[in-house]
Amino acid sequence: MICPENQEEVAGILTDAGFEISRLETFQPRLEFPDFDAFIEYGYHGGWLTPFIEEIGLHRARRWQRSLLNRLVFPVTDHHSIVLAVARRPR
């Protein structure tokens, strides 16, 4: 998995691989998780954090554990930082 920090790192990875970059944009959508179930739906079922959640077994949390997490952790607000690139390999 490649997790570059910013547009410059994405551009470096692509140009090092021989691509010509046409466009780079960064999007930072807001994420809001009112409760544990919303987080699991997005992070586990959506695939963003599936390996991490499986590693710690969070997807198998029991009802009392979910309730405790809802009281102590949620709601949570965060954001993604996503760099989108349009690039092509020269002929």
PDB file of N, CA and C in Angstrom:
ATOM      1  N   MET A   1       0.839  -1.167   0.000  1.00  0.00           N
ATOM      2  CA  MET A   1       0.000   0.000   0.000  1.00  0.00           C
ATOM      3  C   MET A   1       0.890   1.238   0.000  1.00  0.00           C
ATOM      4  N   ILE A   2       0.561   2.180  -0.824  1.00  0.00           N
ATOM      5  CA  ILE A   2       1.299   3.437  -0.891  1.00  0.00           C
ATOM      6  C   ILE A   2       0.475   4.501  -0.185  1.00  0.00           C
ATOM      7  N   CYS A   3       1.071   5.172   0.789  1.00  0.00           N
ATOM      8  CA  CYS A   3       0.383   6.224   1.530  1.00  0.00           C
ATOM      9  C   CYS A   3       1.218   7.502   1.508  1.00  0.00           C
ATOM     10  N   PRO A   4       1.266   8.180   0.356  1.00  0.00           N
ATOM     11  CA  PRO A   4       2.040   9.418   0.295  1.00  0.00           C
ATOM     12  C   PRO A   4       1.412  10.511   1.143  1.00  0.00           C
ATOM     13  N   GLU A   5       2.234  11.452   1.557  1.00  0.00           N
ATOM     14  CA  GLU A   5       1.800  12.532   2.445  1.00  0.00           C
ATOM     15  C   GLU A   5       1.067  13.662   1.728  1.00  0.00           C
ATOM     16  N   ASN A   6       1.420  13.917   0.460  1.00  0.00           N
ATOM     17  CA  ASN A   6       0.870  15.098  -0.213  1.00  0.00           C
ATOM     18  C   ASN A   6       0.985  14.942  -1.729  1.00  0.00           C
ATOM     19  N   GLN A   7       0.574  15.997  -2.445  1.00  0.00           N
ATOM     20  CA  GLN A   7       0.603  15.968  -3.901  1.00  0.00           C
ATOM     21  C   GLN A   7       2.014  15.771  -4.448  1.00  0.00           C
ATOM     22  N   GLU A   8       2.995  16.378  -3.792  1.00  0.00           N
ATOM     23  CA  GLU A   8       4.369  16.273  -4.270  1.00  0.00           C
ATOM     24  C   GLU A   8       4.859  14.820  -4.239  1.00  0.00           C
ATOM     25  N   GLU A   9       4.518  14.094  -3.194  1.00  0.00           N
ATOM     26  CA  GLU A   9       4.922  12.685  -3.117  1.00  0.00           C
ATOM     27  C   GLU A   9       4.203  11.845  -4.161  1.00  0.00           C
ATOM     28  N   VAL A  10       2.928  12.126  -4.387  1.00  0.00           N
ATOM     29  CA  VAL A  10       2.190  11.402  -5.428  1.00  0.00           C
ATOM     30  C   VAL A  10       2.831  11.674  -6.782  1.00  0.00           C
ATOM     31  N   ALA A  11       3.142  12.941  -7.051  1.00  0.00           N
ATOM     32  CA  ALA A  11       3.779  13.309  -8.318  1.00  0.00           C
ATOM     33  C   ALA A  11       5.122  12.601  -8.463  1.00  0.00           C
ATOM     34  N   GLY A  12       5.906  12.533  -7.403  1.00  0.00           N
ATOM     35  CA  GLY A  12       7.208  11.861  -7.454  1.00  0.00           C
ATOM     36  C   GLY A  12       7.082  10.385  -7.764  1.00  0.00           C
ATOM     37  N   ILE A  13       6.138   9.717  -7.129  1.00  0.00           N
ATOM     38  CA  ILE A  13       5.929   8.284  -7.376  1.00  0.00           C
ATOM     39  C   ILE A  13       5.544   8.043  -8.836  1.00  0.00           C
ATOM     40  N   LEU A  14       4.636   8.871  -9.340  1.00  0.00           N
ATOM     41  CA  LEU A  14       4.192   8.693 -10.726  1.00  0.00           C
ATOM     42  C   LEU A  14       5.287   9.024 -11.734  1.00  0.00           C
ATOM     43  N   THR A  15       5.983  10.111 -11.532  1.00  0.00           N
ATOM     44  CA  THR A  15       7.041  10.470 -12.486  1.00  0.00           C
ATOM     45  C   THR A  15       8.199   9.475 -12.419  1.00  0.00           C
ATOM     46  N   ASP A  16       8.519   8.982 -11.232  1.00  0.00           N
ATOM     47  CA  ASP A  16       9.562   7.957 -11.113  1.00  0.00           C
ATOM     48  C   ASP A  16       9.184   6.679 -11.863  1.00  0.00           C
ATOM     49  N   ALA A  17       7.885   6.420 -11.980  1.00  0.00           N
ATOM     50  CA  ALA A  17       7.402   5.239 -12.701  1.00  0.00           C
ATOM     51  C   ALA A  17       7.235   5.512 -14.200  1.00  0.00           C
ATOM     52  N   GLY A  18       7.593   6.728 -14.632  1.00  0.00           N
ATOM     53  CA  GLY A  18       7.554   7.046 -16.056  1.00  0.00           C
ATOM     54  C   GLY A  18       6.272   7.681 -16.556  1.00  0.00           C
ATOM     55  N   PHE A  19       5.409   8.126 -15.664  1.00  0.00           N
ATOM     56  CA  PHE A  19       4.156   8.749 -16.077  1.00  0.00           C
ATOM     57  C   PHE A  19       4.308  10.254 -16.241  1.00  0.00           C
ATOM     58  N   GLU A  20       3.524  10.814 -17.159  1.00  0.00           N
ATOM     59  CA  GLU A  20       3.397  12.259 -17.302  1.00  0.00           C
ATOM     60  C   GLU A  20       2.107  12.670 -16.604  1.00  0.00           C
ATOM     61  N   ILE A  21       2.188  13.621 -15.715  1.00  0.00           N
ATOM     62  CA  ILE A  21       1.027  14.033 -14.925  1.00  0.00           C
ATOM     63  C   ILE A  21       0.289  15.161 -15.636  1.00  0.00           C
ATOM     64  N   SER A  22      -0.999  14.969 -15.812  1.00  0.00           N
ATOM     65  CA  SER A  22      -1.840  15.997 -16.416  1.00  0.00           C
ATOM     66  C   SER A  22      -2.475  16.887 -15.358  1.00  0.00           C
ATOM     67  N   ARG A  23      -2.859  16.257 -14.234  1.00  0.00           N
ATOM     68  CA  ARG A  23      -3.576  17.026 -13.212  1.00  0.00           C
ATOM     69  C   ARG A  23      -3.466  16.336 -11.856  1.00  0.00           C
ATOM     70  N   LEU A  24      -3.317  17.141 -10.814  1.00  0.00           N
ATOM     71  CA  LEU A  24      -3.330  16.669  -9.428  1.00  0.00           C
ATOM     72  C   LEU A  24      -4.280  17.541  -8.629  1.00  0.00           C
ATOM     73  N   GLU A  25      -5.111  16.932  -7.831  1.00  0.00           N
ATOM     74  CA  GLU A  25      -6.009  17.675  -6.943  1.00  0.00           C
ATOM     75  C   GLU A  25      -6.094  16.958  -5.612  1.00  0.00           C
ATOM     76  N   THR A  26      -6.256  17.728  -4.553  1.00  0.00           N
ATOM     77  CA  THR A  26      -6.429  17.159  -3.222  1.00  0.00           C
ATOM     78  C   THR A  26      -7.845  17.464  -2.741  1.00  0.00           C
ATOM     79  N   PHE A  27      -8.515  16.430  -2.259  1.00  0.00           N
ATOM     80  CA  PHE A  27      -9.845  16.567  -1.670  1.00  0.00           C
ATOM     81  C   PHE A  27      -9.747  16.193  -0.199  1.00  0.00           C
ATOM     82  N   GLN A  28     -10.469  16.917   0.636  1.00  0.00           N
ATOM     83  CA  GLN A  28     -10.471  16.619   2.069  1.00  0.00           C
ATOM     84  C   GLN A  28     -11.914  16.571   2.584  1.00  0.00           C
ATOM     85  N   PRO A  29     -12.634  15.497   2.198  1.00  0.00           N
ATOM     86  CA  PRO A  29     -14.019  15.391   2.666  1.00  0.00           C
ATOM     87  C   PRO A  29     -14.089  15.157   4.176  1.00  0.00           C
ATOM     88  N   ARG A  30     -15.098  15.749   4.786  1.00  0.00           N
ATOM     89  CA  ARG A  30     -15.336  15.609   6.220  1.00  0.00           C
ATOM     90  C   ARG A  30     -15.974  14.244   6.497  1.00  0.00           C
ATOM     91  N   LEU A  31     -15.533  13.606   7.554  1.00  0.00           N
ATOM     92  CA  LEU A  31     -16.102  12.330   7.987  1.00  0.00           C
ATOM     93  C   LEU A  31     -16.744  12.534   9.355  1.00  0.00           C
ATOM     94  N   GLU A  32     -17.950  12.064   9.495  1.00  0.00           N
ATOM     95  CA  GLU A  32     -18.651  12.151  10.779  1.00  0.00           C
ATOM     96  C   GLU A  32     -19.185  10.772  11.139  1.00  0.00           C
ATOM     97  N   PHE A  33     -18.808  10.326  12.326  1.00  0.00           N
ATOM     98  CA  PHE A  33     -19.268   9.038  12.828  1.00  0.00           C
ATOM     99  C   PHE A  33     -20.022   9.273  14.121  1.00  0.00           C
ATOM    100  N   PRO A  34     -21.351   9.274  14.059  1.00  0.00           N
ATOM    101  CA  PRO A  34     -22.131   9.529  15.268  1.00  0.00           C
ATOM    102  C   PRO A  34     -22.052   8.385  16.279  1.00  0.00           C
ATOM    103  N   ASP A  35     -21.756   7.164  15.779  1.00  0.00           N
ATOM    104  CA  ASP A  35     -21.697   6.017  16.682  1.00  0.00           C
ATOM    105  C   ASP A  35     -20.806   4.916  16.082  1.00  0.00           C
ATOM    106  N   PHE A  36     -20.617   3.877  16.870  1.00  0.00           N
ATOM    107  CA  PHE A  36     -19.762   2.752  16.464  1.00  0.00           C
ATOM    108  C   PHE A  36     -20.242   2.112  15.169  1.00  0.00           C
ATOM    109  N   ASP A  37     -21.549   1.910  15.041  1.00  0.00           N
ATOM    110  CA  ASP A  37     -22.085   1.248  13.847  1.00  0.00           C
ATOM    111  C   ASP A  37     -21.782   2.041  12.577  1.00  0.00           C
ATOM    112  N   ALA A  38     -21.877   3.362  12.638  1.00  0.00           N
ATOM    113  CA  ALA A  38     -21.558   4.196  11.472  1.00  0.00           C
ATOM    114  C   ALA A  38     -20.077   4.076  11.118  1.00  0.00           C
ATOM    115  N   PHE A  39     -19.225   4.022  12.140  1.00  0.00           N
ATOM    116  CA  PHE A  39     -17.793   3.859  11.903  1.00  0.00           C
ATOM    117  C   PHE A  39     -17.489   2.511  11.256  1.00  0.00           C
ATOM    118  N   ILE A  40     -18.077   1.435  11.783  1.00  0.00           N
ATOM    119  CA  ILE A  40     -17.847   0.096  11.233  1.00  0.00           C
ATOM    120  C   ILE A  40     -18.375   0.007   9.801  1.00  0.00           C
ATOM    121  N   GLU A  41     -19.502   0.587   9.525  1.00  0.00           N
ATOM    122  CA  GLU A  41     -20.056   0.558   8.170  1.00  0.00           C
ATOM    123  C   GLU A  41     -19.083   1.209   7.186  1.00  0.00           C
ATOM    124  N   TYR A  42     -18.522   2.331   7.567  1.00  0.00           N
ATOM    125  CA  TYR A  42     -17.603   3.047   6.691  1.00  0.00           C
ATOM    126  C   TYR A  42     -16.212   2.403   6.673  1.00  0.00           C
ATOM    127  N   GLY A  43     -15.654   2.164   7.832  1.00  0.00           N
ATOM    128  CA  GLY A  43     -14.271   1.710   7.932  1.00  0.00           C
ATOM    129  C   GLY A  43     -14.064   0.242   7.617  1.00  0.00           C
ATOM    130  N   TYR A  44     -15.007  -0.589   8.026  1.00  0.00           N
ATOM    131  CA  TYR A  44     -14.848  -2.034   7.827  1.00  0.00           C
ATOM    132  C   TYR A  44     -15.547  -2.494   6.552  1.00  0.00           C
ATOM    133  N   HIS A  45     -16.833  -2.263   6.472  1.00  0.00           N
ATOM    134  CA  HIS A  45     -17.588  -2.711   5.301  1.00  0.00           C
ATOM    135  C   HIS A  45     -17.228  -1.907   4.062  1.00  0.00           C
ATOM    136  N   GLY A  46     -16.830  -0.652   4.243  1.00  0.00           N
ATOM    137  CA  GLY A  46     -16.412   0.176   3.120  1.00  0.00           C
ATOM    138  C   GLY A  46     -15.003  -0.117   2.650  1.00  0.00           C
ATOM    139  N   GLY A  47     -14.220  -0.824   3.473  1.00  0.00           N
ATOM    140  CA  GLY A  47     -12.893  -1.257   3.062  1.00  0.00           C
ATOM    141  C   GLY A  47     -11.739  -0.338   3.420  1.00  0.00           C
ATOM    142  N   TRP A  48     -12.004   0.838   3.938  1.00  0.00           N
ATOM    143  CA  TRP A  48     -10.932   1.792   4.217  1.00  0.00           C
ATOM    144  C   TRP A  48      -9.990   1.303   5.312  1.00  0.00           C
ATOM    145  N   LEU A  49     -10.551   0.688   6.334  1.00  0.00           N
ATOM    146  CA  LEU A  49      -9.743   0.271   7.486  1.00  0.00           C
ATOM    147  C   LEU A  49      -9.886  -1.216   7.790  1.00  0.00           C
ATOM    148  N   THR A  50     -10.370  -1.986   6.839  1.00  0.00           N
ATOM    149  CA  THR A  50     -10.662  -3.392   7.084  1.00  0.00           C
ATOM    150  C   THR A  50      -9.492  -4.167   7.699  1.00  0.00           C
ATOM    151  N   PRO A  51      -8.275  -4.092   7.149  1.00  0.00           N
ATOM    152  CA  PRO A  51      -7.173  -4.871   7.750  1.00  0.00           C
ATOM    153  C   PRO A  51      -6.881  -4.467   9.196  1.00  0.00           C
ATOM    154  N   PHE A  52      -6.922  -3.181   9.490  1.00  0.00           N
ATOM    155  CA  PHE A  52      -6.674  -2.704  10.849  1.00  0.00           C
ATOM    156  C   PHE A  52      -7.767  -3.185  11.804  1.00  0.00           C
ATOM    157  N   ILE A  53      -9.016  -3.052  11.395  1.00  0.00           N
ATOM    158  CA  ILE A  53     -10.145  -3.458  12.237  1.00  0.00           C
ATOM    159  C   ILE A  53     -10.109  -4.965  12.485  1.00  0.00           C
ATOM    160  N   GLU A  54      -9.786  -5.744  11.468  1.00  0.00           N
ATOM    161  CA  GLU A  54      -9.691  -7.198  11.647  1.00  0.00           C
ATOM    162  C   GLU A  54      -8.533  -7.573  12.553  1.00  0.00           C
ATOM    163  N   GLU A  55      -7.424  -6.880  12.426  1.00  0.00           N
ATOM    164  CA  GLU A  55      -6.246  -7.173  13.248  1.00  0.00           C
ATOM    165  C   GLU A  55      -6.558  -7.055  14.737  1.00  0.00           C
ATOM    166  N   ILE A  56      -7.334  -6.038  15.110  1.00  0.00           N
ATOM    167  CA  ILE A  56      -7.648  -5.858  16.537  1.00  0.00           C
ATOM    168  C   ILE A  56      -8.988  -6.489  16.929  1.00  0.00           C
ATOM    169  N   GLY A  57      -9.690  -7.071  15.946  1.00  0.00           N
ATOM    170  CA  GLY A  57     -10.936  -7.772  16.238  1.00  0.00           C
ATOM    171  C   GLY A  57     -12.122  -6.870  16.520  1.00  0.00           C
ATOM    172  N   LEU A  58     -12.025  -5.619  16.146  1.00  0.00           N
ATOM    173  CA  LEU A  58     -13.084  -4.656  16.444  1.00  0.00           C
ATOM    174  C   LEU A  58     -14.396  -4.997  15.737  1.00  0.00           C
ATOM    175  N   HIS A  59     -14.323  -5.659  14.608  1.00  0.00           N
ATOM    176  CA  HIS A  59     -15.533  -6.024  13.863  1.00  0.00           C
ATOM    177  C   HIS A  59     -16.362  -7.079  14.597  1.00  0.00           C
ATOM    178  N   ARG A  60     -15.774  -7.710  15.613  1.00  0.00           N
ATOM    179  CA  ARG A  60     -16.490  -8.712  16.403  1.00  0.00           C
ATOM    180  C   ARG A  60     -16.873  -8.188  17.789  1.00  0.00           C
ATOM    181  N   ALA A  61     -16.883  -6.881  17.948  1.00  0.00           N
ATOM    182  CA  ALA A  61     -17.205  -6.301  19.253  1.00  0.00           C
ATOM    183  C   ALA A  61     -18.605  -6.737  19.699  1.00  0.00           C
ATOM    184  N   ARG A  62     -18.701  -7.090  20.952  1.00  0.00           N
ATOM    185  CA  ARG A  62     -19.989  -7.506  21.520  1.00  0.00           C
ATOM    186  C   ARG A  62     -20.841  -6.280  21.844  1.00  0.00           C
ATOM    187  N   ARG A  63     -22.096  -6.530  22.119  1.00  0.00           N
ATOM    188  CA  ARG A  63     -23.035  -5.435  22.365  1.00  0.00           C
ATOM    189  C   ARG A  63     -22.568  -4.520  23.493  1.00  0.00           C
ATOM    190  N   TRP A  64     -22.055  -5.081  24.591  1.00  0.00           N
ATOM    191  CA  TRP A  64     -21.607  -4.249  25.707  1.00  0.00           C
ATOM    192  C   TRP A  64     -20.368  -3.438  25.324  1.00  0.00           C
ATOM    193  N   GLN A  65     -19.515  -4.013  24.462  1.00  0.00           N
ATOM    194  CA  GLN A  65     -18.328  -3.282  24.007  1.00  0.00           C
ATOM    195  C   GLN A  65     -18.721  -2.131  23.088  1.00  0.00           C
ATOM    196  N   ARG A  66     -19.676  -2.381  22.220  1.00  0.00           N
ATOM    197  CA  ARG A  66     -20.173  -1.317  21.336  1.00  0.00           C
ATOM    198  C   ARG A  66     -20.804  -0.192  22.152  1.00  0.00           C
ATOM    199  N   SER A  67     -21.567  -0.562  23.153  1.00  0.00           N
ATOM    200  CA  SER A  67     -22.201   0.431  24.012  1.00  0.00           C
ATOM    201  C   SER A  67     -21.152   1.281  24.738  1.00  0.00           C
ATOM    202  N   LEU A  68     -20.130   0.631  25.251  1.00  0.00           N
ATOM    203  CA  LEU A  68     -19.049   1.341  25.941  1.00  0.00           C
ATOM    204  C   LEU A  68     -18.313   2.280  24.980  1.00  0.00           C
ATOM    205  N   LEU A  69     -18.019   1.802  23.786  1.00  0.00           N
ATOM    206  CA  LEU A  69     -17.361   2.650  22.785  1.00  0.00           C
ATOM    207  C   LEU A  69     -18.238   3.842  22.408  1.00  0.00           C
ATOM    208  N   ASN A  70     -19.547   3.612  22.281  1.00  0.00           N
ATOM    209  CA  ASN A  70     -20.448   4.717  21.960  1.00  0.00           C
ATOM    210  C   ASN A  70     -20.442   5.786  23.050  1.00  0.00           C
ATOM    211  N   ARG A  71     -20.297   5.367  24.300  1.00  0.00           N
ATOM    212  CA  ARG A  71     -20.284   6.331  25.413  1.00  0.00           C
ATOM    213  C   ARG A  71     -18.945   7.044  25.559  1.00  0.00           C
ATOM    214  N   LEU A  72     -17.852   6.318  25.294  1.00  0.00           N
ATOM    215  CA  LEU A  72     -16.526   6.879  25.561  1.00  0.00           C
ATOM    216  C   LEU A  72     -15.837   7.515  24.346  1.00  0.00           C
ATOM    217  N   VAL A  73     -16.164   7.039  23.150  1.00  0.00           N
ATOM    218  CA  VAL A  73     -15.407   7.463  21.970  1.00  0.00           C
ATOM    219  C   VAL A  73     -16.236   8.317  21.000  1.00  0.00           C
ATOM    220  N   PHE A  74     -17.455   7.941  20.788  1.00  0.00           N
ATOM    221  CA  PHE A  74     -18.269   8.585  19.761  1.00  0.00           C
ATOM    222  C   PHE A  74     -19.150   9.661  20.352  1.00  0.00           C
ATOM    223  N   PRO A  75     -19.466  10.694  19.555  1.00  0.00           N
ATOM    224  CA  PRO A  75     -19.241  10.867  18.121  1.00  0.00           C
ATOM    225  C   PRO A  75     -17.806  11.293  17.811  1.00  0.00           C
ATOM    226  N   VAL A  76     -17.372  10.965  16.589  1.00  0.00           N
ATOM    227  CA  VAL A  76     -16.032  11.314  16.106  1.00  0.00           C
ATOM    228  C   VAL A  76     -16.177  12.042  14.774  1.00  0.00           C
ATOM    229  N   THR A  77     -15.413  13.107  14.631  1.00  0.00           N
ATOM    230  CA  THR A  77     -15.354  13.841  13.371  1.00  0.00           C
ATOM    231  C   THR A  77     -13.915  13.836  12.898  1.00  0.00           C
ATOM    232  N   ASP A  78     -13.711  13.596  11.609  1.00  0.00           N
ATOM    233  CA  ASP A  78     -12.372  13.548  11.035  1.00  0.00           C
ATOM    234  C   ASP A  78     -12.473  13.981   9.580  1.00  0.00           C
ATOM    235  N   HIS A  79     -11.412  13.791   8.828  1.00  0.00           N
ATOM    236  CA  HIS A  79     -11.444  14.062   7.395  1.00  0.00           C
ATOM    237  C   HIS A  79     -10.443  13.147   6.687  1.00  0.00           C
ATOM    238  N   HIS A  80     -10.724  12.931   5.430  1.00  0.00           N
ATOM    239  CA  HIS A  80      -9.792  12.232   4.548  1.00  0.00           C
ATOM    240  C   HIS A  80      -8.930  13.272   3.863  1.00  0.00           C
ATOM    241  N   SER A  81      -7.759  12.888   3.471  1.00  0.00           N
ATOM    242  CA  SER A  81      -6.950  13.712   2.581  1.00  0.00           C
ATOM    243  C   SER A  81      -6.613  12.820   1.395  1.00  0.00           C
ATOM    244  N   ILE A  82      -7.272  13.087   0.276  1.00  0.00           N
ATOM    245  CA  ILE A  82      -7.183  12.221  -0.895  1.00  0.00           C
ATOM    246  C   ILE A  82      -6.588  13.006  -2.058  1.00  0.00           C
ATOM    247  N   VAL A  83      -5.496  12.498  -2.614  1.00  0.00           N
ATOM    248  CA  VAL A  83      -4.895  13.111  -3.798  1.00  0.00           C
ATOM    249  C   VAL A  83      -5.320  12.292  -5.012  1.00  0.00           C
ATOM    250  N   LEU A  84      -5.943  12.964  -5.952  1.00  0.00           N
ATOM    251  CA  LEU A  84      -6.335  12.330  -7.206  1.00  0.00           C
ATOM    252  C   LEU A  84      -5.385  12.797  -8.297  1.00  0.00           C
ATOM    253  N   ALA A  85      -4.936  11.877  -9.113  1.00  0.00           N
ATOM    254  CA  ALA A  85      -3.998  12.204 -10.178  1.00  0.00           C
ATOM    255  C   ALA A  85      -4.508  11.669 -11.507  1.00  0.00           C
ATOM    256  N   VAL A  86      -4.339  12.477 -12.530  1.00  0.00           N
ATOM    257  CA  VAL A  86      -4.580  12.041 -13.896  1.00  0.00           C
ATOM    258  C   VAL A  86      -3.209  12.032 -14.562  1.00  0.00           C
ATOM    259  N   ALA A  87      -2.793  10.860 -15.010  1.00  0.00           N
ATOM    260  CA  ALA A  87      -1.462  10.721 -15.592  1.00  0.00           C
ATOM    261  C   ALA A  87      -1.508   9.691 -16.708  1.00  0.00           C
ATOM    262  N   ARG A  88      -0.506   9.761 -17.569  1.00  0.00           N
ATOM    263  CA  ARG A  88      -0.424   8.764 -18.649  1.00  0.00           C
ATOM    264  C   ARG A  88       1.027   8.412 -18.883  1.00  0.00           C
ATOM    265  N   ARG A  89       1.221   7.229 -19.376  1.00  0.00           N
ATOM    266  CA  ARG A  89       2.565   6.781 -19.729  1.00  0.00           C
ATOM    267  C   ARG A  89       2.827   7.228 -21.176  1.00  0.00           C
ATOM    268  N   PRO A  90       3.917   7.914 -21.416  1.00  0.00           N
ATOM    269  CA  PRO A  90       4.225   8.373 -22.775  1.00  0.00           C
ATOM    270  C   PRO A  90       4.385   7.186 -23.729  1.00  0.00           C
ATOM    271  N   ARG A  91       4.063   7.407 -24.981  1.00  0.00           N
ATOM    272  CA  ARG A  91       4.162   6.330 -25.987  1.00  0.00           C
ATOM    273  C   ARG A  91       5.575   6.064 -26.390  1.00  0.00           C
TER     274      ARG A  91
END
